[in-house]
Amino acid sequence: MTAASAGAMPFDDWLLTTVRTIVRPALASDADALHASRGQMPFDRQTRSLAETRKLIADMDRRPVHDAAGWQQFAVLARASGAFLGDIGVNFDTPRNRQAEIGFAFAPFARRQGFATEAVGAMVSHLFARGRHRLIAQTDMRNIATQRLLERLQFRREAVHLKSWEEDGVWFDEVGYARLATD
């Protein structure tokens, strides 16, 4: 039985629509597309196997509520065709802290078309509407496209973390962004 079907948190509470996208909690049937999309990221490459991705999504689907503390993946679909465009990950902090970390990955064919701005913007608005006080995002210093997207969504650059990300034995810098509900 899934969290949505168990009635712990209605699925519709996390069904977001924009002009061109639908954002909803990732389902087991999304795992292969999510894995493929994450495997084509120019930075922060996928390190999980397909089996691990499938287990991760299945475990998330069994959470008592979609915004329980920990990571939850949300599928982003094209509203017109239902095609999987990418995903948004939200790391929910405890309700007392009312904070969350947000990250996202989009398939190469879906980039540079505004889908991420629409979908991530809808998620940001939804998180603030549901009582989150502060959202953060971390990105590789080389990922200029993500930095621009975050800035379009009114996130401010708060930190540079020197040599905080290792990939293939090479250390890279990360940039930390944040936005308050009052921004």
C-alpha atoms as a PDB file:
ATOM      1  CA  MET A   1       0.000   0.000   0.000  1.00  0.00           C
ATOM      2  CA  THR A   2       1.422   3.386  -0.931  1.00  0.00           C
ATOM      3  CA  ALA A   3       1.338   6.574   1.112  1.00  0.00           C
ATOM      4  CA  ALA A   4      -1.093   8.016  -1.404  1.00  0.00           C
ATOM      5  CA  SER A   5      -3.408   5.020  -1.258  1.00  0.00           C
ATOM      6  CA  ALA A   6      -3.130   4.654   2.511  1.00  0.00           C
ATOM      7  CA  GLY A   7      -4.721   8.043   2.939  1.00  0.00           C
ATOM      8  CA  ALA A   8      -1.901   9.352   5.147  1.00  0.00           C
ATOM      9  CA  MET A   9      -1.488  12.296   2.816  1.00  0.00           C
ATOM     10  CA  PRO A  10      -3.710  12.748  -0.205  1.00  0.00           C
ATOM     11  CA  PHE A  11      -1.743  12.465  -3.437  1.00  0.00           C
ATOM     12  CA  ASP A  12      -3.552  15.555  -4.729  1.00  0.00           C
ATOM     13  CA  ASP A  13      -1.850  17.644  -2.022  1.00  0.00           C
ATOM     14  CA  TRP A  14       1.370  17.145  -3.977  1.00  0.00           C
ATOM     15  CA  LEU A  15      -0.015  17.261  -7.516  1.00  0.00           C
ATOM     16  CA  LEU A  16       1.199  20.547  -8.980  1.00  0.00           C
ATOM     17  CA  THR A  17       0.410  21.822 -12.453  1.00  0.00           C
ATOM     18  CA  THR A  18       1.901  24.648 -14.448  1.00  0.00           C
ATOM     19  CA  VAL A  19       1.127  25.772 -17.957  1.00  0.00           C
ATOM     20  CA  ARG A  20       3.270  22.970 -19.412  1.00  0.00           C
ATOM     21  CA  THR A  21       4.180  20.600 -16.579  1.00  0.00           C
ATOM     22  CA  ILE A  22       2.756  18.277 -13.974  1.00  0.00           C
ATOM     23  CA  VAL A  23       4.742  17.665 -10.784  1.00  0.00           C
ATOM     24  CA  ARG A  24       3.794  14.733  -8.558  1.00  0.00           C
ATOM     25  CA  PRO A  25       5.488  12.317  -6.142  1.00  0.00           C
ATOM     26  CA  ALA A  26       7.664   9.874  -8.060  1.00  0.00           C
ATOM     27  CA  LEU A  27       6.190   6.412  -8.489  1.00  0.00           C
ATOM     28  CA  ALA A  28       7.933   3.083  -8.935  1.00  0.00           C
ATOM     29  CA  SER A  29       7.030   3.306 -12.632  1.00  0.00           C
ATOM     30  CA  ASP A  30       9.144   6.504 -12.887  1.00  0.00           C
ATOM     31  CA  ALA A  31      12.350   4.921 -11.576  1.00  0.00           C
ATOM     32  CA  ASP A  32      13.840   3.907 -14.946  1.00  0.00           C
ATOM     33  CA  ALA A  33      13.236   7.334 -16.524  1.00  0.00           C
ATOM     34  CA  LEU A  34      14.501   9.105 -13.402  1.00  0.00           C
ATOM     35  CA  HIS A  35      17.633   6.974 -13.401  1.00  0.00           C
ATOM     36  CA  ALA A  36      18.272   7.662 -17.098  1.00  0.00           C
ATOM     37  CA  SER A  37      17.757  11.405 -16.644  1.00  0.00           C
ATOM     38  CA  ARG A  38      20.061  11.586 -13.610  1.00  0.00           C
ATOM     39  CA  GLY A  39      22.671   9.607 -15.523  1.00  0.00           C
ATOM     40  CA  GLN A  40      22.862  12.348 -18.158  1.00  0.00           C
ATOM     41  CA  MET A  41      23.615  15.222 -15.809  1.00  0.00           C
ATOM     42  CA  PRO A  42      26.706  17.252 -16.718  1.00  0.00           C
ATOM     43  CA  PHE A  43      27.613  17.629 -13.010  1.00  0.00           C
ATOM     44  CA  ASP A  44      26.825  15.480  -9.975  1.00  0.00           C
ATOM     45  CA  ARG A  45      26.679  12.332 -12.050  1.00  0.00           C
ATOM     46  CA  GLN A  46      24.518   9.419 -10.986  1.00  0.00           C
ATOM     47  CA  THR A  47      26.389   6.931  -8.822  1.00  0.00           C
ATOM     48  CA  ARG A  48      23.495   4.589  -7.999  1.00  0.00           C
ATOM     49  CA  SER A  49      22.682   1.511 -10.015  1.00  0.00           C
ATOM     50  CA  LEU A  50      19.276   1.168 -11.659  1.00  0.00           C
ATOM     51  CA  ALA A  51      18.322  -1.398  -8.995  1.00  0.00           C
ATOM     52  CA  GLU A  52      19.279   1.078  -6.255  1.00  0.00           C
ATOM     53  CA  THR A  53      17.211   3.822  -7.904  1.00  0.00           C
ATOM     54  CA  ARG A  54      14.215   1.496  -8.135  1.00  0.00           C
ATOM     55  CA  LYS A  55      14.558   0.608  -4.433  1.00  0.00           C
ATOM     56  CA  LEU A  56      14.963   4.271  -3.469  1.00  0.00           C
ATOM     57  CA  ILE A  57      11.735   5.270  -5.236  1.00  0.00           C
ATOM     58  CA  ALA A  58       9.853   2.243  -3.884  1.00  0.00           C
ATOM     59  CA  ASP A  59      10.991   3.115  -0.349  1.00  0.00           C
ATOM     60  CA  MET A  60       9.871   6.728  -0.811  1.00  0.00           C
ATOM     61  CA  ASP A  61       6.483   5.522  -1.997  1.00  0.00           C
ATOM     62  CA  ARG A  62       6.052   3.723   1.345  1.00  0.00           C
ATOM     63  CA  ARG A  63       6.758   6.801   3.471  1.00  0.00           C
ATOM     64  CA  PRO A  64       3.928   7.725   5.837  1.00  0.00           C
ATOM     65  CA  VAL A  65       3.626  11.197   4.256  1.00  0.00           C
ATOM     66  CA  HIS A  66       5.357  12.772   1.271  1.00  0.00           C
ATOM     67  CA  ASP A  67       6.843  15.570   3.393  1.00  0.00           C
ATOM     68  CA  ALA A  68       8.194  13.385   6.213  1.00  0.00           C
ATOM     69  CA  ALA A  69      11.798  14.188   7.182  1.00  0.00           C
ATOM     70  CA  GLY A  70      14.198  12.942   4.499  1.00  0.00           C
ATOM     71  CA  TRP A  71      14.400  12.998   0.723  1.00  0.00           C
ATOM     72  CA  GLN A  72      11.356  12.704  -1.543  1.00  0.00           C
ATOM     73  CA  GLN A  73      11.577  12.677  -5.329  1.00  0.00           C
ATOM     74  CA  PHE A  74       8.904  14.293  -7.475  1.00  0.00           C
ATOM     75  CA  ALA A  75       8.462  13.435 -11.155  1.00  0.00           C
ATOM     76  CA  VAL A  76       8.089  16.285 -13.639  1.00  0.00           C
ATOM     77  CA  LEU A  77       5.979  15.344 -16.651  1.00  0.00           C
ATOM     78  CA  ALA A  78       5.021  17.225 -19.815  1.00  0.00           C
ATOM     79  CA  ARG A  79       1.414  18.247 -19.377  1.00  0.00           C
ATOM     80  CA  ALA A  80       0.600  17.754 -23.066  1.00  0.00           C
ATOM     81  CA  SER A  81       2.197  14.337 -23.611  1.00  0.00           C
ATOM     82  CA  GLY A  82       2.901  12.877 -20.168  1.00  0.00           C
ATOM     83  CA  ALA A  83       6.587  12.476 -21.108  1.00  0.00           C
ATOM     84  CA  PHE A  84       9.021  12.309 -18.196  1.00  0.00           C
ATOM     85  CA  LEU A  85      11.015  15.562 -18.257  1.00  0.00           C
ATOM     86  CA  GLY A  86      12.976  15.267 -15.032  1.00  0.00           C
ATOM     87  CA  ASP A  87      12.645  15.234 -11.286  1.00  0.00           C
ATOM     88  CA  ILE A  88      12.755  17.487  -8.274  1.00  0.00           C
ATOM     89  CA  GLY A  89      14.200  16.183  -5.037  1.00  0.00           C
ATOM     90  CA  VAL A  90      13.163  17.726  -1.734  1.00  0.00           C
ATOM     91  CA  ASN A  91      14.991  16.933   1.487  1.00  0.00           C
ATOM     92  CA  PHE A  92      12.430  17.758   4.144  1.00  0.00           C
ATOM     93  CA  ASP A  93      13.748  18.879   7.491  1.00  0.00           C
ATOM     94  CA  THR A  94      11.816  18.220  10.661  1.00  0.00           C
ATOM     95  CA  PRO A  95       8.519  20.123  10.831  1.00  0.00           C
ATOM     96  CA  ARG A  96       9.857  22.113  13.779  1.00  0.00           C
ATOM     97  CA  ASN A  97      12.624  23.638  11.663  1.00  0.00           C
ATOM     98  CA  ARG A  98      10.332  24.261   8.665  1.00  0.00           C
ATOM     99  CA  GLN A  99      13.227  24.113   6.207  1.00  0.00           C
ATOM    100  CA  ALA A 100      13.928  22.023   3.129  1.00  0.00           C
ATOM    101  CA  GLU A 101      16.666  21.487   0.574  1.00  0.00           C
ATOM    102  CA  ILE A 102      15.696  21.357  -3.084  1.00  0.00           C
ATOM    103  CA  GLY A 103      17.496  19.874  -6.075  1.00  0.00           C
ATOM    104  CA  PHE A 104      16.487  18.937  -9.595  1.00  0.00           C
ATOM    105  CA  ALA A 105      17.593  17.151 -12.748  1.00  0.00           C
ATOM    106  CA  PHE A 106      16.088  17.356 -16.221  1.00  0.00           C
ATOM    107  CA  ALA A 107      16.639  15.156 -19.260  1.00  0.00           C
ATOM    108  CA  PRO A 108      18.781  16.757 -21.979  1.00  0.00           C
ATOM    109  CA  PHE A 109      15.821  17.085 -24.383  1.00  0.00           C
ATOM    110  CA  ALA A 110      13.887  19.083 -21.743  1.00  0.00           C
ATOM    111  CA  ARG A 111      16.612  21.616 -20.939  1.00  0.00           C
ATOM    112  CA  ARG A 112      16.679  25.286 -22.016  1.00  0.00           C
ATOM    113  CA  GLN A 113      12.926  25.378 -22.624  1.00  0.00           C
ATOM    114  CA  GLY A 114      11.675  26.772 -19.316  1.00  0.00           C
ATOM    115  CA  PHE A 115      10.275  23.482 -18.005  1.00  0.00           C
ATOM    116  CA  ALA A 116      12.585  23.537 -14.972  1.00  0.00           C
ATOM    117  CA  THR A 117      11.734  27.152 -14.153  1.00  0.00           C
ATOM    118  CA  GLU A 118       8.003  26.337 -14.257  1.00  0.00           C
ATOM    119  CA  ALA A 119       8.188  23.099 -12.300  1.00  0.00           C
ATOM    120  CA  VAL A 120      10.765  24.133  -9.692  1.00  0.00           C
ATOM    121  CA  GLY A 121       8.993  27.481  -9.275  1.00  0.00           C
ATOM    122  CA  ALA A 122       5.716  25.655  -8.609  1.00  0.00           C
ATOM    123  CA  MET A 123       7.432  23.410  -6.043  1.00  0.00           C
ATOM    124  CA  VAL A 124       9.034  26.396  -4.299  1.00  0.00           C
ATOM    125  CA  SER A 125       5.664  28.160  -4.081  1.00  0.00           C
ATOM    126  CA  HIS A 126       4.009  24.976  -2.808  1.00  0.00           C
ATOM    127  CA  LEU A 127       6.647  24.405  -0.136  1.00  0.00           C
ATOM    128  CA  PHE A 128       6.214  27.944   1.172  1.00  0.00           C
ATOM    129  CA  ALA A 129       2.405  27.629   1.034  1.00  0.00           C
ATOM    130  CA  ARG A 130       2.687  24.445   3.142  1.00  0.00           C
ATOM    131  CA  GLY A 131       4.588  26.303   5.864  1.00  0.00           C
ATOM    132  CA  ARG A 132       8.255  25.981   4.979  1.00  0.00           C
ATOM    133  CA  HIS A 133      10.219  28.967   6.254  1.00  0.00           C
ATOM    134  CA  ARG A 134      13.503  28.553   4.355  1.00  0.00           C
ATOM    135  CA  LEU A 135      14.642  26.623   1.300  1.00  0.00           C
ATOM    136  CA  ILE A 136      18.233  25.893   0.354  1.00  0.00           C
ATOM    137  CA  ALA A 137      19.917  24.552  -2.761  1.00  0.00           C
ATOM    138  CA  GLN A 138      23.494  23.473  -3.445  1.00  0.00           C
ATOM    139  CA  THR A 139      25.032  23.249  -6.882  1.00  0.00           C
ATOM    140  CA  ASP A 140      28.381  22.592  -8.465  1.00  0.00           C
ATOM    141  CA  MET A 141      30.229  25.882  -9.104  1.00  0.00           C
ATOM    142  CA  ARG A 142      30.480  24.903 -12.779  1.00  0.00           C
ATOM    143  CA  ASN A 143      26.704  24.539 -13.135  1.00  0.00           C
ATOM    144  CA  ILE A 144      25.903  28.048 -14.351  1.00  0.00           C
ATOM    145  CA  ALA A 145      22.478  27.067 -15.739  1.00  0.00           C
ATOM    146  CA  THR A 146      21.269  25.914 -12.313  1.00  0.00           C
ATOM    147  CA  GLN A 147      22.670  29.027 -10.650  1.00  0.00           C
ATOM    148  CA  ARG A 148      20.771  31.233 -13.115  1.00  0.00           C
ATOM    149  CA  LEU A 149      17.564  29.278 -12.570  1.00  0.00           C
ATOM    150  CA  LEU A 150      17.836  29.631  -8.792  1.00  0.00           C
ATOM    151  CA  GLU A 151      18.461  33.356  -9.127  1.00  0.00           C
ATOM    152  CA  ARG A 152      15.401  33.697 -11.423  1.00  0.00           C
ATOM    153  CA  LEU A 153      13.411  32.073  -8.620  1.00  0.00           C
ATOM    154  CA  GLN A 154      14.706  34.696  -6.131  1.00  0.00           C
ATOM    155  CA  PHE A 155      17.202  32.466  -4.362  1.00  0.00           C
ATOM    156  CA  ARG A 156      20.232  34.369  -3.129  1.00  0.00           C
ATOM    157  CA  ARG A 157      23.777  33.101  -3.191  1.00  0.00           C
ATOM    158  CA  GLU A 158      24.849  32.635   0.422  1.00  0.00           C
ATOM    159  CA  ALA A 159      28.019  30.587   0.335  1.00  0.00           C
ATOM    160  CA  VAL A 160      30.831  29.081  -1.659  1.00  0.00           C
ATOM    161  CA  HIS A 161      32.034  25.752  -0.303  1.00  0.00           C
ATOM    162  CA  LEU A 162      35.592  25.231  -1.480  1.00  0.00           C
ATOM    163  CA  LYS A 163      36.560  21.763  -2.643  1.00  0.00           C
ATOM    164  CA  SER A 164      33.469  20.213  -1.069  1.00  0.00           C
ATOM    165  CA  TRP A 165      32.503  17.833  -3.864  1.00  0.00           C
ATOM    166  CA  GLU A 166      34.705  14.957  -5.023  1.00  0.00           C
ATOM    167  CA  GLU A 167      34.263  13.305  -8.380  1.00  0.00           C
ATOM    168  CA  ASP A 168      36.762  10.818  -9.810  1.00  0.00           C
ATOM    169  CA  GLY A 169      39.427  11.958  -7.350  1.00  0.00           C
ATOM    170  CA  VAL A 170      39.065  15.658  -8.230  1.00  0.00           C
ATOM    171  CA  TRP A 171      37.603  18.155  -5.749  1.00  0.00           C
ATOM    172  CA  PHE A 172      35.143  20.815  -6.937  1.00  0.00           C
ATOM    173  CA  ASP A 173      33.557  23.857  -5.325  1.00  0.00           C
ATOM    174  CA  GLU A 174      29.847  24.152  -4.588  1.00  0.00           C
ATOM    175  CA  VAL A 175      27.643  27.206  -4.324  1.00  0.00           C
ATOM    176  CA  GLY A 176      24.950  27.454  -1.645  1.00  0.00           C
ATOM    177  CA  TYR A 177      21.695  29.301  -2.316  1.00  0.00           C
ATOM    178  CA  ALA A 178      18.731  30.052  -0.070  1.00  0.00           C
ATOM    179  CA  ARG A 179      15.362  31.743  -0.131  1.00  0.00           C
ATOM    180  CA  LEU A 180      13.071  32.681   2.722  1.00  0.00           C
ATOM    181  CA  ALA A 181       9.303  32.552   2.574  1.00  0.00           C
ATOM    182  CA  THR A 182       9.358  36.313   3.126  1.00  0.00           C
ATOM    183  CA  ASP A 183      11.560  36.975   0.053  1.00  0.00           C
END
